[in-house]
Amino acid sequence: MIPQTRNRLTAAARRFFLHPLVQRVIRNSGYLLGAQTSAAALSMVQGILAARLLGAEGLAALAVITQFSSVINRLTSFRMGELVVSYVSEFNARGESRKAAAVFKAAGLAEIASSLIAFGMLAGLAPWAARTFAHRPDTSDEFVLYGVVLLANLMAESSTGLLQVFNRYRTLAVLTVGQSMLTLGLIAGGFLRGAGLRWVLLAYLIGKMISALGVTAVAFGQAGREWGAGWWRAPLGLLRPQAGNLIRFAFSTNLTASLNLVTRDSEVLWLGAFSTALHVAYYKVALAVTNVLLIPVSPLISTTYREVAREVGTRQWANVRYLLRSGTMLAASWTVPAALGVAVLGPWLVRLYGPEFGPAYPMLLVLLVGAAVANLLYWNRSVLLPLGLPEFPTKVHLVAAGLKIVGILLFVPAGGGYAMAWLLSAYFAGSALVLVWRTMREIRRAEARLPASAAG
C-alpha cells in the first residue's frame, strides 16, 4: 500500500504543478516573490540600521512620519490598480482596445488628481501631525519632506495594474529590488557617517520616487506598444455605458481602503496618539519581523486575482475553485514552517534592532496568529470583486472598523502595543473568515445557475 500511496501522491503533485492555471500563478508570483523576498530582507536590514542609528524614540518618529504619508495617500486613493486589472483585462479580451486605453487614461487622471489632493492635505496637516502623533513639533518639516513621495506616485497604482495585465511581473520585480538596494545603500551611508532622522527619510523618499517614476514610464511604453502611440487620445466618452460600474467599483475599493486605514494601516498613528514612543517603536519592530511571514505570500494576491478574474469572466467555476484551493496550498507551504521559525527565533530577531527592543517579542507572537490566517486565505477579498460584490468587503470592514475603534479606545491607552497586536490579529482572522464564507456561497450559487452540462 505504501508504494501505491506514494505513487498517487506523486501523480497528484504532478497534476497540480502542471496545471496551466497553477503554472501561470506560480511563474508570475515567482517574479514578485523573488523580488519581494529580496526586498523584505533588504528592508529588514534597513530597519535594523535605522533603529541602531536613531534609537527607539527616533525610530518611533520615523515610523509615524512615513505612515502618516501612507495614510493620507490611501485616504484619497481609489486603488486604481484593481480597476485597471479588472476593466482593461475585460476590454482587451473582447478586442476593444480603444476602451481599454480609455480605462487606463481615466484611471491615471483620477489618480493624478487624488495624489495632488493628498499632498495638499499632508502639507496642511503636518504641524498637527507632528504634535499629535510624533509629539515632536519640530518634525513638521520632515512630514512635508517625506510627503513629496505622493507627487512621485501620480500614476503608480494605475501603471502597476497595467503591467500586471500585460504580464510584466518581471519588470515590477526588478524595480522593487532596485528600489530596496538603493535605499539600503543610502541608509548604510548615513549609518557610517552618523546621520540623523532627515537623512533616513531622504533615503526612503529617493528610493520610492525612483521606483514609482520607473513603473509609470514602463507602463506608458507598454501602453504604446499595445494600443499605438496615440493611445492617450482615446476619448473618455467611450466609457459612458460603463461609467456607473466604474465609479461604483472605484468608490467601493476606496472606501474599503479607507476602512483599512482605521483597522490595519494606521496603527502606529493610533499608538502615537494613545500610547508612548517606546510602544510605537516596539510595535514597529514586531510588525517588521511579522512581514517576514506576510511578504512571500503577498505576490499571490495580484497574480491569483488576475487568473480568477479571467475564469469568473468565462464562468469557469471549477477553475475558480481550483485556483483558490491551489493558492491556499501554496500559501500554507510557506506560512506554517515560517510562522514556527519566526516564533522560535523571535527573541533573537527583535534584538537585532537593538537590546532595548526585547519587549517587541510578545507583540510578535500575537501578530503571527492573525498573519497566518490572513496568509492562508489571502484571496478572501479579491475574489468578490469580479463576482460583482465590491461592496460586501466594504461592509465587513466597516463593521470591523467600528469594533476595532472601540477596542482601541478601551484597551490601547492602558495596553499599548500589546493591546494593538491582539486587536489587529482578531481583525485579520475575523474579517478573512467572513469574506471567505461569502465567496464560497456566491460560487455555489453561480454553479447552481449553470446548465448541468456546463457545471464542471
Protein backbone atom coordinates (compact mmCIF):
# COMPACT_ATOMS: atom_id res chain seq x y z
CA MET A 1 0.00 0.00 0.00
CA ILE A 2 2.85 2.38 0.76
CA PRO A 3 4.26 2.38 -2.82
CA GLN A 4 0.73 2.83 -4.18
CA THR A 5 0.09 5.74 -1.83
CA ARG A 6 3.41 7.31 -2.79
CA ASN A 7 2.60 6.93 -6.48
CA ARG A 8 -0.81 8.54 -6.01
CA LEU A 9 0.72 11.47 -4.14
CA THR A 10 3.38 11.88 -6.81
CA ALA A 11 0.77 11.82 -9.57
CA ALA A 12 -1.40 14.33 -7.72
CA ALA A 13 1.57 16.65 -7.19
CA ARG A 14 2.49 16.38 -10.88
CA ARG A 15 -1.05 17.23 -11.95
CA PHE A 16 -1.08 20.15 -9.54
CA PHE A 17 2.15 21.74 -10.75
CA LEU A 18 1.49 21.02 -14.45
CA HIS A 19 -1.96 22.61 -14.44
CA PRO A 20 -1.80 25.72 -16.72
CA LEU A 21 -3.58 27.97 -14.22
CA VAL A 22 -1.25 26.98 -11.39
CA GLN A 23 1.79 27.35 -13.63
CA ARG A 24 0.84 30.91 -14.55
CA VAL A 25 0.20 31.83 -10.93
CA ILE A 26 3.49 30.26 -9.82
CA ARG A 27 5.50 31.84 -12.65
CA ASN A 28 4.15 35.34 -12.13
CA SER A 29 4.21 35.01 -8.35
CA GLY A 30 7.77 33.73 -8.64
CA TYR A 31 8.97 37.00 -10.12
CA LEU A 32 7.26 39.03 -7.41
CA LEU A 33 8.17 36.50 -4.72
CA GLY A 34 11.85 36.69 -5.54
CA ALA A 35 11.68 40.47 -5.66
CA GLN A 36 9.62 40.95 -2.53
CA THR A 37 11.57 38.37 -0.54
CA SER A 38 14.77 40.16 -1.50
CA ALA A 39 13.13 43.49 -0.75
CA ALA A 40 11.93 42.19 2.62
CA ALA A 41 15.41 41.09 3.57
CA LEU A 42 16.86 44.41 2.44
CA SER A 43 14.07 46.28 4.24
CA MET A 44 14.81 44.39 7.43
CA VAL A 45 18.45 45.41 7.22
CA GLN A 46 17.33 48.98 6.53
CA GLY A 47 15.17 48.87 9.65
CA ILE A 48 17.97 47.45 11.78
CA LEU A 49 20.41 50.14 10.65
CA ALA A 50 17.79 52.87 11.16
CA ALA A 51 16.92 51.58 14.64
CA ARG A 52 20.56 51.41 15.71
CA LEU A 53 21.24 54.83 14.20
CA LEU A 54 18.20 56.65 15.60
CA GLY A 55 17.37 54.70 18.79
CA ALA A 56 13.87 53.78 19.94
CA GLU A 57 12.45 57.31 20.03
CA GLY A 58 14.00 58.22 16.66
CA LEU A 59 12.62 55.03 15.13
CA ALA A 60 9.19 55.91 16.51
CA ALA A 61 9.34 59.34 14.83
CA LEU A 62 10.44 57.73 11.55
CA ALA A 63 7.55 55.24 11.72
CA VAL A 64 4.99 57.97 12.42
CA ILE A 65 6.21 60.25 9.60
CA THR A 66 6.27 57.52 6.95
CA GLN A 67 2.94 56.04 7.99
CA PHE A 68 1.20 59.41 8.09
CA SER A 69 2.15 59.98 4.45
CA SER A 70 0.93 56.50 3.57
CA VAL A 71 -2.38 57.07 5.34
CA ILE A 72 -3.04 60.34 3.53
CA ASN A 73 -2.21 58.71 0.21
CA ARG A 74 -4.54 55.77 0.80
CA LEU A 75 -7.29 58.01 2.11
CA THR A 76 -7.55 59.75 -1.26
CA SER A 77 -6.60 56.72 -3.38
CA PHE A 78 -9.20 54.84 -5.42
CA ARG A 79 -6.97 51.74 -5.77
CA MET A 80 -6.82 52.26 -9.49
CA GLY A 81 -4.60 49.23 -9.96
CA GLU A 82 -7.52 46.89 -9.27
CA LEU A 83 -9.84 48.86 -11.55
CA VAL A 84 -7.27 48.74 -14.36
CA VAL A 85 -6.76 44.99 -13.96
CA SER A 86 -10.50 44.30 -13.99
CA TYR A 87 -11.62 46.53 -16.86
CA VAL A 88 -8.54 46.63 -19.10
CA SER A 89 -8.45 42.82 -18.98
CA GLU A 90 -12.15 42.66 -19.86
CA PHE A 91 -11.97 45.08 -22.81
CA ASN A 92 -8.73 43.61 -24.13
CA ALA A 93 -10.25 40.13 -24.06
CA ARG A 94 -13.13 41.47 -26.20
CA GLY A 95 -10.75 43.14 -28.64
CA GLU A 96 -11.96 46.62 -27.60
CA SER A 97 -8.51 48.19 -27.34
CA ARG A 98 -9.76 51.78 -27.51
CA LYS A 99 -11.95 51.22 -24.46
CA ALA A 100 -9.07 49.51 -22.68
CA ALA A 101 -6.85 52.54 -23.37
CA ALA A 102 -9.63 54.86 -22.18
CA VAL A 103 -9.86 52.96 -18.89
CA PHE A 104 -6.11 53.37 -18.27
CA LYS A 105 -6.32 57.05 -19.19
CA ALA A 106 -9.30 57.66 -16.89
CA ALA A 107 -7.65 55.78 -14.03
CA GLY A 108 -4.45 57.77 -14.46
CA LEU A 109 -6.23 61.12 -14.49
CA ALA A 110 -8.20 60.24 -11.37
CA GLU A 111 -5.02 59.09 -9.64
CA ILE A 112 -3.16 62.29 -10.55
CA ALA A 113 -5.97 64.37 -9.05
CA SER A 114 -6.06 62.28 -5.87
CA SER A 115 -2.26 62.49 -5.47
CA LEU A 116 -2.29 66.29 -5.72
CA ILE A 117 -5.11 66.48 -3.19
CA ALA A 118 -3.21 64.11 -0.90
CA PHE A 119 -0.06 66.25 -0.92
CA GLY A 120 -2.07 69.38 -0.21
CA MET A 121 -3.74 67.68 2.74
CA LEU A 122 -0.43 66.43 4.10
CA ALA A 123 1.23 69.83 3.88
CA GLY A 124 -1.68 71.44 5.69
CA LEU A 125 -1.88 68.79 8.42
CA ALA A 126 1.86 68.39 9.01
CA PRO A 127 2.12 70.69 12.08
CA TRP A 128 -0.86 68.97 13.72
CA ALA A 129 0.52 65.50 12.94
CA ALA A 130 3.92 66.41 14.38
CA ARG A 131 2.29 67.47 17.65
CA THR A 132 -0.35 64.74 17.91
CA PHE A 133 1.38 61.59 16.71
CA ALA A 134 5.12 62.21 16.93
CA HIS A 135 4.88 64.51 19.99
CA ARG A 136 7.70 66.44 18.36
CA PRO A 137 6.50 69.76 16.85
CA ASP A 138 9.98 70.31 15.42
CA THR A 139 9.43 67.46 12.91
CA SER A 140 6.76 69.30 10.90
CA ASP A 141 9.20 69.96 8.04
CA GLU A 142 10.13 66.28 7.96
CA PHE A 143 6.47 65.34 7.46
CA VAL A 144 6.29 67.63 4.41
CA LEU A 145 9.66 66.48 3.09
CA TYR A 146 8.69 62.83 3.05
CA GLY A 147 5.26 63.72 1.66
CA VAL A 148 6.90 64.63 -1.65
CA VAL A 149 6.66 60.90 -2.40
CA LEU A 150 2.95 61.48 -3.03
CA LEU A 151 3.80 63.65 -6.03
CA ALA A 152 6.06 60.94 -7.47
CA ASN A 153 3.22 58.41 -7.13
CA LEU A 154 0.99 60.35 -9.54
CA MET A 155 0.10 57.27 -11.64
CA ALA A 156 1.94 54.46 -9.87
CA GLU A 157 -1.14 52.39 -8.97
CA SER A 158 -2.68 52.55 -12.45
CA SER A 159 0.69 51.80 -14.03
CA THR A 160 1.27 48.80 -11.79
CA GLY A 161 -2.16 47.45 -12.73
CA LEU A 162 -1.41 47.85 -16.44
CA LEU A 163 1.89 45.99 -16.15
CA GLN A 164 0.09 43.17 -14.34
CA VAL A 165 -2.50 42.94 -17.13
CA PHE A 166 0.26 42.53 -19.73
CA ASN A 167 2.27 40.06 -17.66
CA ARG A 168 5.19 42.40 -16.89
CA TYR A 169 5.76 40.90 -13.45
CA ARG A 170 9.47 40.52 -14.08
CA THR A 171 9.80 44.25 -14.70
CA LEU A 172 7.93 45.01 -11.48
CA ALA A 173 10.25 42.63 -9.65
CA VAL A 174 13.38 44.35 -10.97
CA LEU A 175 12.09 47.78 -9.95
CA THR A 176 11.17 46.53 -6.48
CA VAL A 177 14.62 45.09 -5.81
CA GLY A 178 16.36 48.11 -7.32
CA GLN A 179 14.47 50.47 -5.02
CA SER A 180 15.36 48.44 -1.94
CA MET A 181 19.04 48.22 -2.85
CA LEU A 182 19.27 51.95 -3.45
CA THR A 183 17.51 52.77 -0.17
CA LEU A 184 19.74 50.37 1.78
CA GLY A 185 22.85 51.90 0.24
CA LEU A 186 21.77 55.39 1.24
CA ILE A 187 20.86 54.35 4.80
CA ALA A 188 24.13 52.44 5.17
CA GLY A 189 26.00 55.56 4.07
CA GLY A 190 24.13 57.58 6.68
CA PHE A 191 24.86 54.94 9.32
CA LEU A 192 28.60 55.14 8.65
CA ARG A 193 28.64 58.91 8.92
CA GLY A 194 26.30 59.10 11.93
CA ALA A 195 23.47 60.86 10.11
CA GLY A 196 20.10 61.66 11.65
CA LEU A 197 16.38 61.36 11.01
CA ARG A 198 16.29 63.62 7.94
CA TRP A 199 18.91 61.56 6.10
CA VAL A 200 16.99 58.32 6.70
CA LEU A 201 13.78 59.95 5.46
CA LEU A 202 15.58 61.15 2.32
CA ALA A 203 16.87 57.63 1.70
CA TYR A 204 13.34 56.19 1.81
CA LEU A 205 11.99 59.09 -0.26
CA ILE A 206 14.56 58.77 -3.07
CA GLY A 207 14.08 55.01 -3.34
CA LYS A 208 10.30 55.25 -3.54
CA MET A 209 10.36 58.13 -6.02
CA ILE A 210 12.64 56.31 -8.45
CA SER A 211 10.52 53.14 -8.21
CA ALA A 212 7.22 54.99 -8.78
CA LEU A 213 8.52 57.02 -11.71
CA GLY A 214 10.11 53.92 -13.22
CA VAL A 215 6.86 51.95 -13.07
CA THR A 216 4.97 54.82 -14.69
CA ALA A 217 7.50 55.19 -17.51
CA VAL A 218 7.45 51.47 -18.30
CA ALA A 219 3.65 51.40 -18.25
CA PHE A 220 3.45 54.27 -20.74
CA GLY A 221 5.81 52.39 -23.03
CA GLN A 222 3.71 49.23 -22.70
CA ALA A 223 0.53 51.15 -23.48
CA GLY A 224 2.14 52.49 -26.66
CA ARG A 225 3.15 49.00 -27.78
CA GLU A 226 -0.31 47.56 -27.13
CA TRP A 227 -2.54 50.39 -28.36
CA GLY A 228 -0.33 52.59 -30.52
CA ALA A 229 1.48 55.86 -29.89
CA GLY A 230 -1.75 57.84 -29.66
CA TRP A 231 -3.41 55.63 -27.03
CA TRP A 232 -3.79 58.60 -24.69
CA ARG A 233 -6.13 60.25 -27.18
CA ALA A 234 -8.79 57.58 -26.60
CA PRO A 235 -11.92 59.57 -25.66
CA LEU A 236 -13.31 59.04 -22.19
CA GLY A 237 -16.77 59.14 -23.75
CA LEU A 238 -16.21 55.54 -24.87
CA LEU A 239 -16.72 54.53 -21.25
CA ARG A 240 -20.09 56.23 -20.83
CA PRO A 241 -22.07 52.93 -20.87
CA GLN A 242 -19.82 51.56 -18.10
CA ALA A 243 -19.43 54.82 -16.19
CA GLY A 244 -21.75 53.78 -13.36
CA ASN A 245 -19.96 50.48 -12.81
CA LEU A 246 -16.53 52.12 -12.98
CA ILE A 247 -17.47 54.77 -10.44
CA ARG A 248 -19.10 52.22 -8.14
CA PHE A 249 -16.03 50.00 -8.35
CA ALA A 250 -13.64 52.88 -7.63
CA PHE A 251 -15.58 54.27 -4.68
CA SER A 252 -16.15 50.83 -3.16
CA THR A 253 -12.46 49.99 -3.26
CA ASN A 254 -11.60 53.47 -1.95
CA LEU A 255 -13.97 53.06 0.97
CA THR A 256 -12.54 49.62 1.71
CA ALA A 257 -9.02 51.06 1.63
CA SER A 258 -10.09 53.93 3.89
CA LEU A 259 -11.54 51.48 6.37
CA ASN A 260 -8.29 49.52 6.27
CA LEU A 261 -6.57 52.71 7.35
CA VAL A 262 -8.55 52.58 10.57
CA THR A 263 -8.33 48.85 11.14
CA ARG A 264 -4.89 47.89 9.85
CA ASP A 265 -2.72 50.53 8.23
CA SER A 266 -2.60 53.36 10.76
CA GLU A 267 -1.79 51.52 13.94
CA VAL A 268 1.47 53.36 14.50
CA LEU A 269 -0.50 56.62 14.47
CA TRP A 270 -3.08 55.28 16.94
CA LEU A 271 -0.25 54.22 19.23
CA GLY A 272 1.42 57.58 18.83
CA ALA A 273 -1.79 59.30 19.91
CA PHE A 274 -2.77 56.99 22.80
CA SER A 275 0.47 55.40 23.99
CA THR A 276 4.19 56.14 24.27
CA ALA A 277 7.03 56.47 21.76
CA LEU A 278 8.58 53.30 23.19
CA HIS A 279 5.45 51.28 22.43
CA VAL A 280 5.41 52.75 18.92
CA ALA A 281 9.00 51.58 18.42
CA TYR A 282 8.34 48.10 19.88
CA TYR A 283 5.25 47.64 17.73
CA LYS A 284 7.07 48.87 14.62
CA VAL A 285 9.76 46.22 15.16
CA ALA A 286 7.14 43.48 15.77
CA LEU A 287 5.38 44.43 12.51
CA ALA A 288 8.69 44.44 10.63
CA VAL A 289 9.51 40.91 11.75
CA THR A 290 5.93 39.75 11.03
CA ASN A 291 6.45 40.91 7.44
CA VAL A 292 8.89 38.03 7.05
CA LEU A 293 5.76 35.88 7.15
CA LEU A 294 3.49 38.09 5.06
CA ILE A 295 5.63 39.30 2.18
CA PRO A 296 6.38 36.00 0.37
CA VAL A 297 2.62 35.33 0.08
CA SER A 298 1.55 38.84 -0.94
CA PRO A 299 2.54 38.35 -4.63
CA LEU A 300 -0.12 35.64 -4.84
CA ILE A 301 -2.84 38.25 -4.29
CA SER A 302 -2.35 40.08 -7.58
CA THR A 303 -1.40 37.03 -9.66
CA THR A 304 -4.31 34.92 -8.37
CA TYR A 305 -6.69 37.86 -8.83
CA ARG A 306 -5.66 38.18 -12.47
CA GLU A 307 -6.37 34.50 -13.15
CA VAL A 308 -9.58 34.41 -11.09
CA ALA A 309 -10.94 37.48 -12.90
CA ARG A 310 -10.42 35.71 -16.23
CA GLU A 311 -12.07 32.48 -15.09
CA VAL A 312 -15.02 34.28 -13.49
CA GLY A 313 -15.48 36.22 -16.72
CA THR A 314 -15.90 32.96 -18.65
CA ARG A 315 -17.96 31.28 -15.87
CA GLN A 316 -15.38 28.50 -15.33
CA TRP A 317 -16.32 27.87 -11.71
CA ALA A 318 -14.40 24.62 -11.40
CA ASN A 319 -11.26 26.51 -12.37
CA VAL A 320 -12.05 29.23 -9.83
CA ARG A 321 -12.33 26.66 -7.06
CA TYR A 322 -9.13 25.01 -8.22
CA LEU A 323 -7.28 28.31 -8.15
CA LEU A 324 -8.44 29.08 -4.62
CA ARG A 325 -7.51 25.62 -3.30
CA SER A 326 -4.17 25.74 -5.06
CA GLY A 327 -3.43 29.21 -3.77
CA THR A 328 -4.17 28.19 -0.18
CA MET A 329 -1.91 25.14 -0.53
CA LEU A 330 0.91 27.29 -1.90
CA ALA A 331 0.45 29.80 0.91
CA ALA A 332 0.42 27.05 3.54
CA SER A 333 3.67 25.58 2.25
CA TRP A 334 5.38 28.80 3.34
CA THR A 335 3.19 30.06 6.18
CA VAL A 336 3.26 27.07 8.53
CA PRO A 337 7.03 26.50 8.69
CA ALA A 338 7.78 30.23 8.55
CA ALA A 339 5.44 31.03 11.46
CA LEU A 340 7.06 28.33 13.58
CA GLY A 341 10.52 29.58 12.65
CA VAL A 342 9.69 33.21 13.48
CA ALA A 343 8.16 32.17 16.81
CA VAL A 344 11.31 30.24 17.79
CA LEU A 345 13.82 32.81 16.52
CA GLY A 346 11.73 35.85 17.52
CA PRO A 347 13.72 36.89 20.62
CA TRP A 348 16.93 36.94 18.59
CA LEU A 349 15.29 38.70 15.62
CA VAL A 350 13.88 41.61 17.63
CA ARG A 351 17.18 42.15 19.43
CA LEU A 352 18.92 42.63 16.09
CA TYR A 353 17.31 46.06 16.16
CA GLY A 354 18.96 46.77 19.49
CA PRO A 355 18.94 45.35 23.04
CA GLU A 356 16.16 47.72 24.10
CA PHE A 357 13.64 46.13 21.70
CA GLY A 358 13.12 42.87 23.63
CA PRO A 359 9.53 43.82 24.68
CA ALA A 360 8.52 43.57 20.99
CA TYR A 361 8.61 39.74 21.14
CA PRO A 362 5.23 39.17 22.92
CA MET A 363 3.60 41.51 20.39
CA LEU A 364 5.22 39.50 17.60
CA LEU A 365 3.73 36.20 18.86
CA VAL A 366 0.22 37.64 18.87
CA LEU A 367 0.61 39.18 15.42
CA LEU A 368 1.74 35.84 14.00
CA VAL A 369 -1.68 34.27 14.66
CA GLY A 370 -3.65 36.78 12.63
CA ALA A 371 -0.97 36.99 9.94
CA ALA A 372 -1.06 33.22 9.45
CA VAL A 373 -4.83 33.23 8.89
CA ALA A 374 -4.56 36.19 6.51
CA ASN A 375 -1.84 34.37 4.57
CA LEU A 376 -3.73 31.13 4.17
CA LEU A 377 -6.87 32.96 2.99
CA TYR A 378 -5.05 35.75 1.13
CA TRP A 379 -7.66 35.74 -1.66
CA ASN A 380 -10.54 36.42 0.75
CA ARG A 381 -11.39 39.90 -0.58
CA SER A 382 -10.21 40.00 -4.17
CA VAL A 383 -12.43 37.18 -5.50
CA LEU A 384 -15.56 39.11 -4.55
CA LEU A 385 -14.64 41.93 -6.96
CA PRO A 386 -15.08 40.00 -10.23
CA LEU A 387 -18.08 38.25 -8.66
CA GLY A 388 -19.80 41.65 -8.72
CA LEU A 389 -19.73 42.23 -4.95
CA PRO A 390 -17.22 45.01 -4.37
CA GLU A 391 -19.44 46.46 -1.64
CA PHE A 392 -19.52 43.39 0.58
CA PRO A 393 -15.88 43.63 1.73
CA THR A 394 -16.58 47.29 2.44
CA LYS A 395 -19.49 46.38 4.71
CA VAL A 396 -17.47 43.74 6.52
CA HIS A 397 -14.58 46.13 7.03
CA LEU A 398 -16.97 48.85 8.20
CA VAL A 399 -18.24 46.61 10.99
CA ALA A 400 -14.67 45.53 11.79
CA ALA A 401 -13.56 49.16 11.84
CA GLY A 402 -16.25 50.10 14.34
CA LEU A 403 -15.37 47.22 16.61
CA LYS A 404 -11.68 47.95 16.41
CA ILE A 405 -12.05 51.65 17.13
CA VAL A 406 -13.98 50.75 20.26
CA GLY A 407 -11.24 48.30 21.19
CA ILE A 408 -8.52 50.90 20.60
CA LEU A 409 -10.27 53.47 22.77
CA LEU A 410 -10.89 50.95 25.54
CA PHE A 411 -7.67 48.97 25.63
CA VAL A 412 -4.77 50.76 23.90
CA PRO A 413 -4.30 53.62 26.42
CA ALA A 414 -3.52 51.01 29.09
CA GLY A 415 -2.27 48.09 26.98
CA GLY A 416 -0.26 49.97 24.37
CA GLY A 417 1.30 47.85 21.65
CA TYR A 418 0.22 44.59 23.29
CA ALA A 419 -3.45 45.52 23.04
CA MET A 420 -2.97 46.76 19.48
CA ALA A 421 -1.41 43.42 18.49
CA TRP A 422 -4.42 41.49 19.81
CA LEU A 423 -6.84 43.80 18.01
CA LEU A 424 -5.01 43.52 14.68
CA SER A 425 -4.78 39.74 14.93
CA ALA A 426 -8.51 39.46 15.63
CA TYR A 427 -9.27 41.78 12.72
CA PHE A 428 -7.21 39.70 10.28
CA ALA A 429 -8.76 36.40 11.29
CA GLY A 430 -12.36 37.54 11.72
CA SER A 431 -12.73 39.56 8.51
CA ALA A 432 -10.97 36.92 6.40
CA LEU A 433 -13.27 34.13 7.59
CA VAL A 434 -16.43 36.16 6.91
CA LEU A 435 -15.28 37.10 3.39
CA VAL A 436 -14.33 33.51 2.57
CA TRP A 437 -17.76 32.32 3.70
CA ARG A 438 -19.47 34.81 1.35
CA THR A 439 -17.14 34.00 -1.54
CA MET A 440 -17.83 30.28 -1.37
CA ARG A 441 -21.58 30.88 -1.08
CA GLU A 442 -21.57 33.03 -4.22
CA ILE A 443 -19.59 30.45 -6.17
CA ARG A 444 -22.05 27.70 -5.16
CA ARG A 445 -24.96 29.89 -6.28
CA ALA A 446 -23.28 30.62 -9.60
CA GLU A 447 -22.63 26.93 -10.19
CA ALA A 448 -26.26 26.11 -9.43
CA ARG A 449 -27.39 28.52 -12.15
CA LEU A 450 -25.33 26.77 -14.84
CA PRO A 451 -26.78 24.01 -17.03
CA ALA A 452 -25.74 20.59 -15.83
CA SER A 453 -23.51 20.09 -18.91
CA ALA A 454 -21.52 23.26 -18.15
CA ALA A 455 -21.21 22.97 -14.39
CA GLY A 456 -17.85 21.23 -14.48
